N, C-alpha and C. Protein backbone atom coordinates (compact mmCIF):
# COMPACT_ATOMS: atom_id res chain seq x y z
N UNK A 1 110.82 85.25 95.97
CA UNK A 1 111.66 85.69 95.05
C UNK A 1 111.34 85.54 93.75
N UNK A 2 110.58 84.55 93.35
CA UNK A 2 110.15 84.34 92.03
C UNK A 2 109.48 85.51 91.40
N UNK A 3 108.60 86.21 92.17
CA UNK A 3 107.91 87.33 91.78
C UNK A 3 108.93 88.52 91.46
N UNK A 4 109.98 88.69 92.27
CA UNK A 4 110.91 89.70 92.04
C UNK A 4 111.73 89.43 90.72
N UNK A 5 112.07 88.18 90.51
CA UNK A 5 112.80 87.78 89.30
C UNK A 5 111.88 87.94 88.08
N UNK A 6 110.58 87.75 88.27
CA UNK A 6 109.64 87.87 87.17
C UNK A 6 109.51 89.34 86.81
N UNK A 7 109.58 90.28 87.83
CA UNK A 7 109.53 91.72 87.55
C UNK A 7 110.74 92.06 86.64
N UNK A 8 111.92 91.58 87.10
CA UNK A 8 113.14 91.77 86.41
C UNK A 8 113.05 91.29 84.94
N UNK A 9 112.53 90.09 84.75
CA UNK A 9 112.38 89.55 83.42
C UNK A 9 111.62 90.44 82.47
N UNK A 10 110.48 90.96 82.94
CA UNK A 10 109.58 91.74 82.09
C UNK A 10 109.97 93.20 81.84
N UNK A 11 110.89 93.68 82.73
CA UNK A 11 111.43 95.12 82.55
C UNK A 11 112.52 95.20 81.45
N UNK A 12 112.37 96.33 80.67
CA UNK A 12 113.46 96.63 79.77
C UNK A 12 114.71 97.09 80.53
N UNK A 13 115.85 96.97 79.96
CA UNK A 13 117.19 97.49 80.61
C UNK A 13 116.90 98.96 80.90
N UNK A 14 117.34 99.39 82.09
CA UNK A 14 117.21 100.77 82.52
C UNK A 14 115.83 101.11 83.17
N UNK A 15 114.80 100.26 82.96
CA UNK A 15 113.43 100.46 83.53
C UNK A 15 113.50 100.32 85.04
N UNK A 16 112.46 100.98 85.71
CA UNK A 16 112.31 100.85 87.16
C UNK A 16 111.00 100.27 87.62
N UNK A 17 111.04 99.65 88.73
CA UNK A 17 109.75 99.08 89.32
C UNK A 17 109.80 99.57 90.71
N UNK A 18 108.49 99.89 91.20
CA UNK A 18 108.25 100.28 92.57
C UNK A 18 107.31 99.32 93.31
N UNK A 19 107.70 98.87 94.43
CA UNK A 19 106.89 98.04 95.31
C UNK A 19 106.75 98.92 96.67
N UNK A 20 105.44 98.91 96.96
CA UNK A 20 105.10 99.61 98.31
C UNK A 20 104.58 98.55 99.20
N UNK A 21 105.20 98.38 100.42
CA UNK A 21 104.89 97.41 101.29
C UNK A 21 104.94 97.96 102.75
N UNK A 22 104.23 97.32 103.64
CA UNK A 22 104.31 97.62 105.03
C UNK A 22 105.64 97.31 105.66
N UNK A 23 105.97 97.97 106.83
CA UNK A 23 107.21 97.73 107.44
C UNK A 23 106.92 96.86 108.75
N UNK A 24 107.45 95.69 108.79
CA UNK A 24 107.08 94.87 109.98
C UNK A 24 107.48 95.45 111.29
N UNK A 25 108.53 96.29 111.22
CA UNK A 25 109.04 96.85 112.46
C UNK A 25 108.24 98.16 112.85
N UNK A 26 107.22 98.46 112.21
CA UNK A 26 106.51 99.85 112.57
C UNK A 26 105.93 99.63 113.83
N UNK A 27 106.10 100.66 114.73
CA UNK A 27 105.46 100.54 116.16
C UNK A 27 103.87 100.70 115.95
N UNK A 28 103.17 100.04 116.85
CA UNK A 28 101.66 100.07 116.84
C UNK A 28 101.21 101.61 116.88
N UNK A 29 101.95 102.35 117.77
CA UNK A 29 101.56 103.78 117.93
C UNK A 29 101.64 104.49 116.60
N UNK A 30 102.58 104.21 115.75
CA UNK A 30 102.68 104.88 114.47
C UNK A 30 101.54 104.47 113.54
N UNK A 31 101.18 103.23 113.61
CA UNK A 31 99.99 102.76 112.76
C UNK A 31 98.77 103.56 113.21
N UNK A 32 98.55 103.64 114.59
CA UNK A 32 97.43 104.34 114.98
C UNK A 32 97.38 105.85 114.69
N UNK A 33 98.50 106.43 114.74
CA UNK A 33 98.70 107.82 114.23
C UNK A 33 98.42 107.97 112.73
N UNK A 34 98.95 107.11 112.00
CA UNK A 34 98.74 107.17 110.52
C UNK A 34 97.19 106.97 110.25
N UNK A 35 96.53 106.06 110.84
CA UNK A 35 95.12 105.88 110.54
C UNK A 35 94.21 107.00 111.14
N UNK A 36 94.64 107.53 112.34
CA UNK A 36 93.93 108.69 112.87
C UNK A 36 94.02 109.91 111.91
N UNK A 37 95.06 110.11 111.19
CA UNK A 37 95.10 111.24 110.18
C UNK A 37 94.14 111.05 108.99
N UNK A 38 93.58 109.69 108.86
CA UNK A 38 92.68 109.54 107.80
C UNK A 38 91.31 110.13 108.15
N UNK A 39 91.09 110.51 109.33
CA UNK A 39 89.74 111.09 109.84
C UNK A 39 88.63 110.15 109.56
N UNK A 40 88.74 108.83 109.81
CA UNK A 40 87.68 107.88 109.59
C UNK A 40 86.70 107.92 110.86
N UNK A 41 85.50 107.53 110.60
CA UNK A 41 84.65 107.36 111.83
C UNK A 41 85.10 106.18 112.69
N UNK A 42 84.60 106.12 113.90
CA UNK A 42 85.14 105.22 114.95
C UNK A 42 85.21 103.81 114.44
N UNK A 43 84.10 103.33 113.78
CA UNK A 43 83.98 101.99 113.40
C UNK A 43 85.05 101.68 112.25
N UNK A 44 85.02 102.49 111.27
CA UNK A 44 86.03 102.35 110.12
C UNK A 44 87.41 102.37 110.70
N UNK A 45 87.71 103.33 111.69
CA UNK A 45 89.11 103.51 112.15
C UNK A 45 89.47 102.21 112.85
N UNK A 46 88.49 101.70 113.75
CA UNK A 46 88.87 100.42 114.49
C UNK A 46 89.14 99.32 113.52
N UNK A 47 88.38 99.13 112.45
CA UNK A 47 88.60 97.95 111.58
C UNK A 47 89.77 98.20 110.69
N UNK A 48 90.13 99.41 110.34
CA UNK A 48 91.33 99.74 109.69
C UNK A 48 92.57 99.45 110.39
N UNK A 49 92.46 99.82 111.67
CA UNK A 49 93.75 99.53 112.54
C UNK A 49 93.86 98.14 112.76
N UNK A 50 92.76 97.36 112.94
CA UNK A 50 92.78 95.92 113.14
C UNK A 50 93.40 95.30 111.90
N UNK A 51 93.02 95.72 110.73
CA UNK A 51 93.53 95.21 109.42
C UNK A 51 94.99 95.48 109.25
N UNK A 52 95.42 96.67 109.55
CA UNK A 52 96.87 97.07 109.45
C UNK A 52 97.66 96.16 110.45
N UNK A 53 97.19 96.02 111.66
CA UNK A 53 97.98 95.36 112.63
C UNK A 53 98.13 93.89 112.32
N UNK A 54 97.11 93.31 111.66
CA UNK A 54 97.16 91.91 111.15
C UNK A 54 98.05 91.78 110.04
N UNK A 55 97.94 92.71 108.97
CA UNK A 55 98.76 92.65 107.79
C UNK A 55 100.28 92.81 108.16
N UNK A 56 100.64 93.65 109.04
CA UNK A 56 101.95 93.94 109.43
C UNK A 56 102.72 92.72 109.96
N UNK A 57 101.97 91.77 110.46
CA UNK A 57 102.58 90.61 111.01
C UNK A 57 103.21 89.77 109.95
N UNK A 58 102.65 89.83 108.74
CA UNK A 58 103.30 89.10 107.50
C UNK A 58 104.17 90.01 106.61
N UNK A 59 104.31 91.21 107.04
CA UNK A 59 105.23 92.12 106.36
C UNK A 59 106.69 91.71 106.54
N UNK A 60 107.54 92.48 105.81
CA UNK A 60 108.97 92.21 105.95
C UNK A 60 109.65 93.42 106.68
N UNK A 61 110.85 93.13 107.27
CA UNK A 61 111.65 94.20 107.78
C UNK A 61 112.52 94.72 106.67
N UNK A 62 113.17 95.80 106.98
CA UNK A 62 114.01 96.41 105.89
C UNK A 62 115.16 95.42 105.53
N UNK A 63 115.67 94.86 106.59
CA UNK A 63 116.85 93.97 106.29
C UNK A 63 116.39 92.68 105.55
N UNK A 64 115.16 92.25 105.85
CA UNK A 64 114.66 91.09 105.10
C UNK A 64 114.42 91.35 103.67
N UNK A 65 113.99 92.67 103.34
CA UNK A 65 113.73 93.09 101.97
C UNK A 65 115.09 93.09 101.29
N UNK A 66 116.11 93.70 101.89
CA UNK A 66 117.38 93.80 101.26
C UNK A 66 118.02 92.46 100.98
N UNK A 67 117.80 91.47 101.87
CA UNK A 67 118.37 90.15 101.67
C UNK A 67 117.58 89.45 100.47
N UNK A 68 116.30 89.64 100.45
CA UNK A 68 115.55 89.11 99.26
C UNK A 68 115.96 89.63 97.94
N UNK A 69 116.07 90.97 97.86
CA UNK A 69 116.49 91.63 96.66
C UNK A 69 118.01 91.24 96.29
N UNK A 70 118.94 91.10 97.27
CA UNK A 70 120.23 90.72 96.98
C UNK A 70 120.39 89.29 96.39
N UNK A 71 119.34 88.54 96.62
CA UNK A 71 119.32 87.16 96.01
C UNK A 71 118.57 87.09 94.59
N UNK A 72 117.97 88.21 94.28
CA UNK A 72 117.21 88.18 93.17
C UNK A 72 118.12 88.76 91.89
N UNK A 73 117.61 88.81 90.73
CA UNK A 73 118.27 89.30 89.63
C UNK A 73 118.59 90.83 89.72
N UNK A 74 117.94 91.51 90.50
CA UNK A 74 118.15 92.90 90.74
C UNK A 74 119.44 93.18 91.54
N UNK A 75 119.71 92.30 92.58
CA UNK A 75 120.84 92.37 93.43
C UNK A 75 120.83 93.51 94.39
N UNK A 76 120.22 94.66 94.09
CA UNK A 76 120.20 95.85 94.99
C UNK A 76 118.96 96.64 94.71
N UNK A 77 118.52 97.46 95.67
CA UNK A 77 117.45 98.33 95.62
C UNK A 77 117.62 99.56 96.38
N UNK A 78 116.76 100.47 96.23
CA UNK A 78 116.73 101.67 97.11
C UNK A 78 115.43 101.52 97.91
N UNK A 79 115.57 101.61 99.21
CA UNK A 79 114.39 101.48 100.12
C UNK A 79 114.27 102.98 100.83
N UNK A 80 113.03 103.44 100.65
CA UNK A 80 112.69 104.72 101.18
C UNK A 80 111.59 104.49 102.31
N UNK A 81 111.89 104.93 103.52
CA UNK A 81 110.94 104.67 104.62
C UNK A 81 109.84 105.81 104.38
N UNK A 82 108.57 105.15 104.60
CA UNK A 82 107.39 106.15 104.40
C UNK A 82 106.58 105.77 105.63
N UNK A 83 105.97 106.67 106.26
CA UNK A 83 104.95 106.45 107.34
C UNK A 83 105.07 105.08 108.04
N UNK A 84 104.24 104.15 107.49
CA UNK A 84 104.13 102.78 108.06
C UNK A 84 104.69 101.71 107.17
N UNK A 85 105.40 102.16 106.15
CA UNK A 85 105.88 101.21 105.12
C UNK A 85 107.15 101.68 104.46
N UNK A 86 107.34 100.99 103.25
CA UNK A 86 108.52 101.27 102.46
C UNK A 86 108.14 101.52 101.09
N UNK A 87 108.93 102.32 100.33
CA UNK A 87 108.99 102.32 98.81
C UNK A 87 110.15 101.53 98.48
N UNK A 88 110.03 100.48 97.71
CA UNK A 88 111.15 99.66 97.29
C UNK A 88 111.33 99.85 95.80
N UNK A 89 112.39 100.64 95.47
CA UNK A 89 112.70 100.93 94.03
C UNK A 89 113.76 99.95 93.45
N UNK A 90 113.32 99.38 92.39
CA UNK A 90 114.23 98.36 91.70
C UNK A 90 114.52 98.90 90.28
N UNK A 91 115.72 98.71 89.86
CA UNK A 91 116.15 99.25 88.57
C UNK A 91 116.93 98.05 87.83
N UNK A 92 116.34 97.77 86.62
CA UNK A 92 117.12 96.68 85.82
C UNK A 92 118.27 97.37 85.10
N UNK A 93 119.41 96.90 85.48
CA UNK A 93 120.67 97.54 85.04
C UNK A 93 121.10 97.06 83.61
N UNK A 94 120.89 95.81 83.39
CA UNK A 94 121.33 95.23 82.13
C UNK A 94 120.36 94.10 81.67
N UNK A 95 120.75 93.37 80.75
CA UNK A 95 119.98 92.35 80.23
C UNK A 95 120.19 91.05 80.99
N UNK A 96 119.15 90.30 81.21
CA UNK A 96 119.24 89.04 81.89
C UNK A 96 118.67 87.92 81.05
N UNK A 97 119.30 86.80 81.13
CA UNK A 97 118.73 85.71 80.31
C UNK A 97 117.30 85.38 80.69
């Protein structure tokens, strides 16, 4: 949460920030489809899938993100589902000490 509060601290009132992150709840099949659309060769595809599947283990769920943001200076956010992840839009509404 320190990182989220630091984003809030450096933003001017009314400014927005965007965080793009993986979705911990994304099905493995969707990860495979997403990477298959990249048209990588077999070796690159294999290692990219392996990397995504490893990274998604430490990602957050949508509800976890909402909980983290609710405890931050932002208090709320807009979360847009994208392929295998999220766009997390934050807006600084006023001034914070």
